[in-house]
N, C-alpha and C. Protein backbone atom coordinates (compact mmCIF):
# COMPACT_ATOMS: atom_id res chain seq x y z
N MET A 1 -16.11 5.62 26.31
CA MET A 1 -16.27 4.69 24.25
C MET A 1 -17.77 4.08 24.47
N THR A 2 -17.96 4.64 23.24
CA THR A 2 -19.72 4.19 22.81
C THR A 2 -19.82 3.14 22.39
N ASN A 3 -20.23 2.03 22.09
CA ASN A 3 -20.76 0.91 21.68
C ASN A 3 -20.20 0.74 20.50
N GLN A 4 -20.80 2.01 19.79
CA GLN A 4 -20.42 1.94 18.15
C GLN A 4 -18.71 2.20 18.14
N ARG A 5 -18.07 2.90 18.90
CA ARG A 5 -16.80 3.35 18.64
C ARG A 5 -16.19 2.00 19.16
N LYS A 6 -16.82 0.75 19.80
CA LYS A 6 -16.09 -0.52 20.22
C LYS A 6 -15.95 -0.69 19.52
N LEU A 7 -17.34 -0.80 17.98
CA LEU A 7 -17.60 -2.10 17.46
C LEU A 7 -17.03 -1.58 16.04
N VAL A 8 -16.67 0.13 16.30
CA VAL A 8 -15.89 0.57 14.79
C VAL A 8 -14.00 0.33 15.15
N ALA A 9 -13.53 0.09 16.35
CA ALA A 9 -12.13 -0.13 16.80
C ALA A 9 -12.15 -2.24 16.68
N GLU A 10 -13.20 -2.31 17.12
CA GLU A 10 -13.05 -3.91 16.99
C GLU A 10 -12.58 -3.90 15.14
N ILE A 11 -13.28 -3.89 14.08
CA ILE A 11 -13.41 -4.21 13.10
C ILE A 11 -12.30 -3.39 11.92
N LEU A 12 -11.87 -2.30 12.67
CA LEU A 12 -10.59 -1.75 12.33
C LEU A 12 -9.62 -2.71 12.78
N ASP A 13 -9.35 -3.43 14.08
CA ASP A 13 -8.27 -4.02 14.27
C ASP A 13 -8.23 -5.39 13.36
N LEU A 14 -9.42 -5.98 13.59
CA LEU A 14 -9.39 -7.50 12.97
C LEU A 14 -9.05 -7.20 11.72
N CYS A 15 -9.79 -5.92 11.26
CA CYS A 15 -9.14 -6.15 9.55
C CYS A 15 -7.32 -5.73 8.93
N ARG A 16 -6.79 -4.70 10.28
CA ARG A 16 -5.66 -4.56 9.89
C ARG A 16 -4.85 -5.87 10.47
N ALA A 17 -5.51 -6.19 11.02
CA ALA A 17 -4.10 -7.87 11.96
C ALA A 17 -4.44 -8.79 10.31
N LYS A 18 -5.25 -8.71 9.85
CA LYS A 18 -5.43 -9.56 8.30
C LYS A 18 -4.89 -8.95 7.02
N GLY A 19 -4.77 -7.66 7.53
CA GLY A 19 -4.57 -6.59 6.26
C GLY A 19 -5.24 -6.89 5.30
N LEU A 20 -6.64 -6.29 5.72
CA LEU A 20 -7.81 -6.69 4.70
C LEU A 20 -8.08 -4.74 4.79
N ARG A 21 -8.10 -4.52 3.53
CA ARG A 21 -9.36 -3.11 3.39
C ARG A 21 -10.77 -2.62 3.31
N ILE A 22 -11.37 -1.46 3.46
CA ILE A 22 -12.45 -2.15 3.32
C ILE A 22 -12.96 -0.38 2.30
N ALA A 23 -14.03 -0.21 2.28
CA ALA A 23 -14.77 1.19 1.07
C ALA A 23 -16.48 0.89 1.43
N THR A 24 -16.98 1.64 1.62
CA THR A 24 -18.24 1.76 1.65
C THR A 24 -19.22 2.58 0.40
N ALA A 25 -20.40 1.80 0.32
CA ALA A 25 -21.30 2.90 -0.68
C ALA A 25 -22.22 2.94 0.09
N GLU A 26 -22.88 4.19 -0.02
CA GLU A 26 -23.95 4.72 0.91
C GLU A 26 -24.43 5.92 -0.17
N SER A 27 -26.14 5.20 0.07
CA SER A 27 -26.98 6.35 0.06
C SER A 27 -27.70 6.99 0.64
N CYS A 28 -28.97 6.35 1.61
CA CYS A 28 -29.48 6.76 2.34
C CYS A 28 -28.63 7.45 3.51
N THR A 29 -27.69 6.97 3.92
CA THR A 29 -27.16 7.19 5.04
C THR A 29 -26.29 7.96 4.76
N GLY A 30 -26.11 8.73 3.18
CA GLY A 30 -25.32 10.04 3.44
C GLY A 30 -23.55 10.22 3.87
N GLY A 31 -23.31 9.29 4.22
CA GLY A 31 -21.60 9.12 4.45
C GLY A 31 -21.62 8.65 5.93
N LEU A 32 -22.47 8.48 6.97
CA LEU A 32 -22.95 8.09 8.56
C LEU A 32 -22.01 7.22 8.67
N LEU A 33 -21.93 5.86 7.61
CA LEU A 33 -20.95 4.96 7.83
C LEU A 33 -19.86 5.23 7.84
N SER A 34 -19.39 5.68 6.94
CA SER A 34 -17.84 6.67 6.49
C SER A 34 -17.00 7.35 7.68
N ALA A 35 -18.52 7.97 8.17
CA ALA A 35 -17.78 8.93 9.36
C ALA A 35 -17.56 8.36 10.19
N ALA A 36 -18.38 7.20 10.87
CA ALA A 36 -18.28 5.81 12.05
C ALA A 36 -17.03 5.59 12.13
N LEU A 37 -16.83 5.02 10.58
CA LEU A 37 -15.24 4.35 10.45
C LEU A 37 -14.34 4.94 10.86
N THR A 38 -13.94 6.41 9.95
CA THR A 38 -12.93 7.33 10.76
C THR A 38 -13.01 8.13 11.49
N GLU A 39 -14.07 7.78 12.78
CA GLU A 39 -14.04 8.31 14.07
C GLU A 39 -12.51 7.71 15.03
N VAL A 40 -12.45 6.64 14.82
CA VAL A 40 -11.64 6.06 15.14
C VAL A 40 -9.88 6.64 14.69
N ALA A 41 -9.13 6.97 15.92
CA ALA A 41 -7.92 7.29 14.87
C ALA A 41 -7.07 6.18 14.68
N GLY A 42 -6.27 6.37 13.68
CA GLY A 42 -5.48 5.29 12.79
C GLY A 42 -6.56 4.04 11.98
N SER A 43 -7.97 4.85 11.75
CA SER A 43 -8.46 4.37 10.73
C SER A 43 -8.08 4.27 9.19
N SER A 44 -7.15 5.18 8.57
CA SER A 44 -6.62 4.86 7.49
C SER A 44 -5.74 3.74 7.70
N ASP A 45 -5.37 3.21 8.21
CA ASP A 45 -4.73 1.40 8.05
C ASP A 45 -5.68 0.69 7.19
N VAL A 46 -6.72 1.24 7.59
CA VAL A 46 -7.11 -0.27 6.93
C VAL A 46 -8.77 0.54 5.92
N PHE A 47 -9.18 1.78 6.55
CA PHE A 47 -10.63 2.32 5.79
C PHE A 47 -9.48 3.03 3.81
N GLU A 48 -10.33 1.96 2.95
CA GLU A 48 -9.78 3.01 1.62
C GLU A 48 -10.39 4.33 1.18
N CYS A 49 -12.14 3.92 1.51
CA CYS A 49 -12.81 5.32 0.94
C CYS A 49 -14.19 4.71 0.95
N GLY A 50 -15.31 5.90 0.67
CA GLY A 50 -16.53 6.00 0.99
C GLY A 50 -17.34 6.36 -0.23
N TYR A 51 -17.96 5.94 -1.26
CA TYR A 51 -19.07 6.46 -2.06
C TYR A 51 -20.00 6.70 -1.20
N VAL A 52 -20.74 7.94 -1.22
CA VAL A 52 -21.83 8.37 -1.13
C VAL A 52 -22.33 8.65 -2.28
N THR A 53 -23.10 7.94 -3.02
CA THR A 53 -24.03 8.37 -4.25
C THR A 53 -25.84 8.47 -4.17
N TYR A 54 -25.64 9.59 -3.83
CA TYR A 54 -27.24 9.61 -3.21
C TYR A 54 -28.28 9.35 -4.69
N SER A 55 -27.89 10.07 -5.49
CA SER A 55 -27.96 9.91 -7.13
C SER A 55 -28.43 8.99 -7.91
N ASN A 56 -29.51 8.37 -8.67
CA ASN A 56 -29.34 7.02 -9.40
C ASN A 56 -27.59 7.61 -10.30
N ALA A 57 -27.48 8.61 -11.10
CA ALA A 57 -26.67 9.45 -11.57
C ALA A 57 -24.98 8.69 -10.99
N ALA A 58 -25.23 9.21 -10.15
CA ALA A 58 -23.69 9.07 -9.07
C ALA A 58 -23.61 7.40 -8.67
N LYS A 59 -24.69 6.81 -8.52
CA LYS A 59 -24.40 5.35 -8.76
C LYS A 59 -24.13 5.19 -9.72
N MET A 60 -25.00 5.02 -11.42
CA MET A 60 -24.10 4.51 -12.51
C MET A 60 -22.80 5.46 -12.34
N ARG A 61 -22.64 6.10 -11.98
CA ARG A 61 -20.99 6.54 -12.66
C ARG A 61 -20.21 6.45 -11.97
N ASP A 62 -20.20 5.87 -10.40
CA ASP A 62 -19.34 6.30 -9.42
C ASP A 62 -19.06 4.87 -9.23
N LEU A 63 -20.18 3.52 -8.95
CA LEU A 63 -19.98 2.75 -8.97
C LEU A 63 -20.56 1.84 -9.96
N ASN A 64 -20.24 2.22 -11.02
CA ASN A 64 -21.17 1.39 -12.14
C ASN A 64 -22.46 0.26 -12.18
N VAL A 65 -22.96 1.16 -11.55
CA VAL A 65 -24.47 -0.01 -11.06
C VAL A 65 -25.14 0.16 -12.19
N GLU A 66 -25.74 -0.62 -13.16
CA GLU A 66 -26.48 -0.49 -14.44
C GLU A 66 -27.83 0.82 -14.19
N SER A 67 -28.39 0.83 -15.53
CA SER A 67 -29.38 1.73 -15.51
C SER A 67 -30.74 0.70 -15.72
N LYS A 68 -30.30 -0.57 -16.03
CA LYS A 68 -31.15 -1.41 -16.06
C LYS A 68 -31.23 -2.23 -14.88
N THR A 69 -30.61 -1.98 -13.58
CA THR A 69 -30.82 -2.10 -12.51
C THR A 69 -31.73 -1.68 -12.09
N LEU A 70 -31.62 -0.32 -11.94
CA LEU A 70 -32.20 0.85 -11.25
C LEU A 70 -33.89 0.72 -11.86
N SER A 71 -33.71 0.79 -13.07
CA SER A 71 -35.09 0.48 -13.82
C SER A 71 -35.82 -0.47 -13.24
N SER A 72 -35.33 -1.63 -13.40
CA SER A 72 -36.09 -2.52 -12.92
C SER A 72 -36.26 -2.85 -11.34
N PHE A 73 -35.60 -2.71 -10.63
CA PHE A 73 -36.03 -3.11 -9.55
C PHE A 73 -35.66 -1.53 -8.53
N GLY A 74 -35.23 -0.20 -8.42
CA GLY A 74 -35.45 0.82 -8.39
C GLY A 74 -34.04 0.87 -7.50
N ALA A 75 -33.66 2.40 -6.72
CA ALA A 75 -32.35 2.47 -5.90
C ALA A 75 -32.49 1.91 -4.83
N VAL A 76 -33.63 1.68 -4.40
CA VAL A 76 -34.02 0.89 -3.12
C VAL A 76 -34.24 -0.40 -3.32
N SER A 77 -33.40 -1.39 -3.56
CA SER A 77 -33.69 -2.39 -3.47
C SER A 77 -32.17 -3.50 -3.55
N GLU A 78 -32.26 -4.84 -3.17
CA GLU A 78 -31.17 -5.37 -2.74
C GLU A 78 -30.58 -5.79 -4.09
N GLN A 79 -31.05 -5.61 -5.23
CA GLN A 79 -30.10 -5.51 -6.51
C GLN A 79 -29.46 -4.78 -6.78
N THR A 80 -29.64 -3.18 -6.38
CA THR A 80 -29.40 -1.98 -6.09
C THR A 80 -27.39 -2.29 -4.99
N ALA A 81 -28.15 -2.63 -4.21
CA ALA A 81 -27.02 -2.25 -3.06
C ALA A 81 -25.92 -3.27 -3.34
N LEU A 82 -26.51 -4.55 -4.02
CA LEU A 82 -25.46 -5.48 -4.20
C LEU A 82 -24.74 -5.07 -5.43
N ALA A 83 -25.37 -4.14 -5.96
CA ALA A 83 -24.58 -3.64 -7.65
C ALA A 83 -23.59 -2.39 -6.53
N MET A 84 -23.90 -1.76 -6.02
CA MET A 84 -23.27 -0.57 -5.27
C MET A 84 -22.22 -1.10 -4.25
N ALA A 85 -22.35 -2.76 -4.01
CA ALA A 85 -21.52 -3.36 -2.94
C ALA A 85 -19.93 -3.23 -4.01
N ILE A 86 -20.46 -4.48 -5.20
CA ILE A 86 -19.71 -4.89 -6.01
C ILE A 86 -18.82 -3.54 -6.38
N GLY A 87 -19.49 -2.48 -7.22
CA GLY A 87 -19.06 -1.55 -7.69
C GLY A 87 -17.74 -1.02 -6.85
N ALA A 88 -18.17 -0.88 -5.59
CA ALA A 88 -17.43 -0.18 -4.10
C ALA A 88 -15.99 -1.10 -4.22
N ALA A 89 -16.29 -2.16 -3.62
CA ALA A 89 -14.67 -3.32 -4.43
C ALA A 89 -14.03 -3.03 -5.41
N ASP A 90 -14.97 -3.11 -6.32
CA ASP A 90 -14.57 -3.02 -7.76
C ASP A 90 -12.99 -2.06 -7.90
N ARG A 91 -13.75 -0.97 -7.63
CA ARG A 91 -13.78 0.49 -8.07
C ARG A 91 -12.01 0.35 -6.94
N SER A 92 -12.41 0.54 -5.90
CA SER A 92 -11.40 0.93 -4.48
C SER A 92 -10.61 -0.32 -4.17
N GLY A 93 -10.40 -1.27 -5.14
CA GLY A 93 -9.58 -2.33 -4.43
C GLY A 93 -9.96 -2.96 -2.93
N ALA A 94 -10.85 -2.72 -2.11
CA ALA A 94 -10.99 -3.05 -0.91
C ALA A 94 -11.84 -4.51 -1.21
N ARG A 95 -11.00 -5.20 0.03
CA ARG A 95 -11.40 -6.70 -0.03
C ARG A 95 -13.12 -7.27 0.98
N ILE A 96 -13.16 -5.93 1.65
CA ILE A 96 -14.35 -5.86 2.06
C ILE A 96 -15.27 -4.53 1.77
N ALA A 97 -16.49 -4.75 1.00
CA ALA A 97 -17.20 -3.64 1.14
C ALA A 97 -19.09 -3.72 1.78
N VAL A 98 -19.14 -2.69 1.93
CA VAL A 98 -20.83 -2.82 2.28
C VAL A 98 -21.83 -1.64 1.49
N ALA A 99 -22.42 -1.91 1.43
CA ALA A 99 -23.70 -0.81 0.77
C ALA A 99 -24.73 -0.32 1.29
N ILE A 100 -25.26 0.28 1.42
CA ILE A 100 -26.82 1.21 2.09
C ILE A 100 -27.50 1.76 1.20
N THR A 101 -28.83 1.40 0.64
CA THR A 101 -29.79 2.28 0.27
C THR A 101 -31.10 1.93 0.76
N GLY A 102 -31.90 2.72 0.88
CA GLY A 102 -32.76 3.09 1.92
C GLY A 102 -34.01 4.10 1.83
N VAL A 103 -35.05 3.54 2.68
CA VAL A 103 -35.83 4.78 2.32
C VAL A 103 -35.75 5.46 3.79
N ALA A 104 -35.18 6.58 3.79
CA ALA A 104 -34.80 6.65 5.66
C ALA A 104 -36.34 7.95 6.54
N GLY A 105 -36.60 8.53 5.11
CA GLY A 105 -38.32 8.96 5.45
C GLY A 105 -38.29 10.64 5.38
N PRO A 106 -39.00 11.10 5.65
CA PRO A 106 -40.66 10.58 5.50
C PRO A 106 -40.70 10.50 4.35
N GLY A 107 -42.25 9.51 4.34
CA GLY A 107 -42.58 9.00 3.16
C GLY A 107 -41.99 7.48 2.80
N GLY A 108 -42.28 7.28 1.51
CA GLY A 108 -42.01 5.81 1.28
C GLY A 108 -43.44 5.79 0.45
N THR A 109 -43.36 4.46 -0.06
CA THR A 109 -44.75 4.07 -0.94
C THR A 109 -44.81 2.67 -0.02
N ALA A 110 -46.13 1.99 -0.73
CA ALA A 110 -46.64 0.66 0.08
C ALA A 110 -45.50 -0.41 0.13
N GLU A 111 -44.93 -0.77 -1.15
CA GLU A 111 -43.88 -1.33 -1.74
C GLU A 111 -42.46 -1.58 -0.62
N LYS A 112 -41.84 -0.06 -0.46
CA LYS A 112 -41.13 0.91 -0.24
C LYS A 112 -41.21 1.98 1.02
N PRO A 113 -42.15 1.06 2.30
CA PRO A 113 -42.23 1.95 3.28
C PRO A 113 -40.82 3.22 3.65
N GLU A 114 -41.38 3.85 4.40
CA GLU A 114 -40.65 4.63 5.62
C GLU A 114 -39.54 3.19 6.16
N GLY A 115 -38.38 3.60 6.49
CA GLY A 115 -37.81 2.63 7.34
C GLY A 115 -37.18 1.40 6.40
N TRP A 116 -37.67 0.93 5.36
CA TRP A 116 -37.15 0.08 4.42
C TRP A 116 -36.10 0.43 3.69
N VAL A 117 -34.60 -0.75 4.19
CA VAL A 117 -33.15 -0.59 4.02
C VAL A 117 -32.69 -1.64 3.20
N CYS A 118 -31.79 -1.78 2.24
CA CYS A 118 -31.41 -2.37 2.13
C CYS A 118 -29.81 -2.51 1.86
N PHE A 119 -29.22 -3.79 2.50
CA PHE A 119 -27.77 -3.71 2.37
C PHE A 119 -27.39 -4.80 1.67
N ALA A 120 -25.95 -4.94 1.57
CA ALA A 120 -24.91 -5.76 0.85
C ALA A 120 -23.95 -5.73 1.24
N ILE A 121 -23.31 -6.84 1.19
CA ILE A 121 -21.59 -6.84 2.01
C ILE A 121 -20.67 -7.93 0.98
N VAL A 122 -19.59 -7.41 0.19
CA VAL A 122 -17.80 -8.41 -0.37
C VAL A 122 -17.77 -8.08 0.83
N SER A 123 -17.44 -9.78 0.46
CA SER A 123 -16.28 -10.21 1.25
C SER A 123 -15.44 -11.35 0.37
N PRO A 124 -14.08 -11.39 0.72
CA PRO A 124 -13.45 -12.58 0.50
C PRO A 124 -14.12 -14.01 0.52
N ALA A 125 -14.39 -13.85 1.94
CA ALA A 125 -14.92 -14.96 3.37
C ALA A 125 -16.02 -15.98 2.22
N THR A 126 -17.23 -15.19 1.93
CA THR A 126 -18.65 -15.65 1.08
C THR A 126 -19.15 -14.56 -0.17
N GLU A 127 -19.98 -15.73 -0.98
CA GLU A 127 -20.39 -14.96 -1.99
C GLU A 127 -21.15 -13.52 -1.41
N PRO A 128 -21.21 -12.45 -2.40
CA PRO A 128 -21.53 -11.22 -1.89
C PRO A 128 -23.61 -11.37 -1.90
N LYS A 129 -23.72 -11.10 -0.68
CA LYS A 129 -25.34 -11.00 -0.43
C LYS A 129 -25.81 -9.88 0.11
N ALA A 130 -27.08 -9.65 -0.03
CA ALA A 130 -27.82 -8.75 -0.05
C ALA A 130 -29.39 -8.88 0.76
N GLN A 131 -29.61 -8.34 1.30
CA GLN A 131 -30.58 -8.40 2.68
C GLN A 131 -31.46 -6.67 2.85
N THR A 132 -32.66 -6.82 3.27
CA THR A 132 -33.23 -5.96 3.34
C THR A 132 -33.96 -6.32 4.87
N ILE A 133 -34.11 -5.53 5.35
CA ILE A 133 -34.37 -4.71 6.66
C ILE A 133 -35.38 -3.54 6.95
N PRO A 134 -36.85 -4.10 7.01
CA PRO A 134 -37.61 -3.15 7.18
C PRO A 134 -37.66 -2.29 9.17
N PHE A 135 -36.84 -1.50 9.14
CA PHE A 135 -36.77 -0.60 10.49
C PHE A 135 -38.01 0.13 10.72
N GLY A 136 -38.90 0.44 9.69
CA GLY A 136 -40.30 1.02 10.38
C GLY A 136 -39.91 2.70 10.20
N PRO A 137 -41.49 2.83 10.78
CA PRO A 137 -41.60 4.36 10.33
C PRO A 137 -40.92 4.70 11.79
N ILE A 138 -39.27 4.75 12.51
CA ILE A 138 -39.12 5.46 13.49
C ILE A 138 -38.33 6.49 13.46
N GLY A 139 -38.29 7.46 12.45
CA GLY A 139 -37.83 8.46 12.13
C GLY A 139 -36.62 8.41 11.38
N ARG A 140 -36.09 9.71 10.00
CA ARG A 140 -35.15 9.55 9.76
C ARG A 140 -34.16 9.53 10.18
N GLU A 141 -33.75 10.09 11.85
CA GLU A 141 -32.25 10.11 11.78
C GLU A 141 -32.13 8.48 12.76
N GLN A 142 -33.23 8.11 13.13
CA GLN A 142 -33.07 6.70 13.62
C GLN A 142 -32.89 5.87 12.56
N VAL A 143 -33.46 6.09 11.52
CA VAL A 143 -33.44 5.11 9.98
C VAL A 143 -31.88 5.00 9.79
N ARG A 144 -31.33 6.50 9.85
CA ARG A 144 -30.13 6.16 9.25
C ARG A 144 -28.96 5.79 10.36
N ALA A 145 -29.61 6.14 11.74
CA ALA A 145 -28.40 5.83 12.75
C ALA A 145 -28.53 4.33 12.53
N ALA A 146 -29.49 3.71 12.59
CA ALA A 146 -29.75 1.93 12.73
C ALA A 146 -29.52 1.57 11.96
N SER A 147 -29.33 1.97 10.65
CA SER A 147 -28.89 1.59 9.25
C SER A 147 -26.90 1.26 9.54
N VAL A 148 -26.14 2.19 9.83
CA VAL A 148 -24.88 2.25 10.07
C VAL A 148 -24.83 1.26 11.31
N GLU A 149 -25.32 1.10 12.26
CA GLU A 149 -25.40 0.06 13.59
C GLU A 149 -25.39 -1.42 12.66
N PHE A 150 -26.37 -1.66 11.79
CA PHE A 150 -26.52 -2.77 10.99
C PHE A 150 -25.40 -2.91 10.41
N ALA A 151 -25.06 -1.98 9.61
CA ALA A 151 -23.77 -2.14 8.59
C ALA A 151 -22.20 -2.48 8.95
N LEU A 152 -22.40 -1.77 10.32
CA LEU A 152 -20.85 -2.32 10.98
C LEU A 152 -21.03 -3.76 11.35
N ALA A 153 -21.94 -3.93 11.93
CA ALA A 153 -22.24 -5.77 12.55
C ALA A 153 -21.99 -6.54 11.03
N LEU A 154 -22.74 -6.21 9.96
CA LEU A 154 -22.16 -6.64 8.65
C LEU A 154 -20.70 -6.98 8.56
N MET A 155 -20.06 -5.14 8.54
CA MET A 155 -18.66 -5.80 8.37
C MET A 155 -18.24 -6.15 9.92
N LEU A 156 -18.50 -6.57 10.94
CA LEU A 156 -17.33 -7.01 11.64
C LEU A 156 -17.53 -8.41 11.26
N GLN A 157 -18.97 -9.12 11.34
CA GLN A 157 -19.08 -10.41 11.03
C GLN A 157 -18.45 -10.99 9.96
N ALA A 158 -18.18 -10.04 8.64
CA ALA A 158 -17.67 -10.04 6.95
C ALA A 158 -15.67 -10.52 7.84
N ALA A 159 -15.64 -9.51 8.47
CA ALA A 159 -13.74 -9.40 9.23
C ALA A 159 -13.82 -11.26 9.77
N LYS A 160 -14.41 -10.78 10.72
CA LYS A 160 -13.92 -12.44 11.42
C LYS A 160 -13.88 -13.74 10.68
N THR A 161 -14.76 -13.88 9.67
CA THR A 161 -15.09 -14.90 9.04
C THR A 161 -13.70 -14.82 7.78
N VAL A 162 -13.23 -14.04 7.54
CA VAL A 162 -11.87 -13.58 6.72
C VAL A 162 -10.55 -14.36 7.13
């Protein structure tokens, strides 16, 4: 079993034991986090749903991200990630929701270069919080994989503290 599958199994076991449902809101990872969570048999006991909101229109329509947030801070921002996580929790009824939005690459800007990824987590144990991880120009596939790993770590920490 890979380290990622072990991590997912631990998240699922903790959430199952605590009666927690989880949801995801993804942009730059395009559903990879949801896929990782559902790779383990029995995940339906815990995994409520995943939202892949690649466009700004989808973020607004599916997760209630305000257009003002997107125009003021951009799609790749802690503010947008936080709005995505809150929207996923509200829409799904899940107790834990994680969001990912970033620049997987290639490309980017001086302010938001390749590998710039914003995460947010909503959990009943803490206030919703967001943070940015600058993975750097490690390549699109590696940025997406690293983002999934980081999001899983956030979920595990959230599940442990509930």
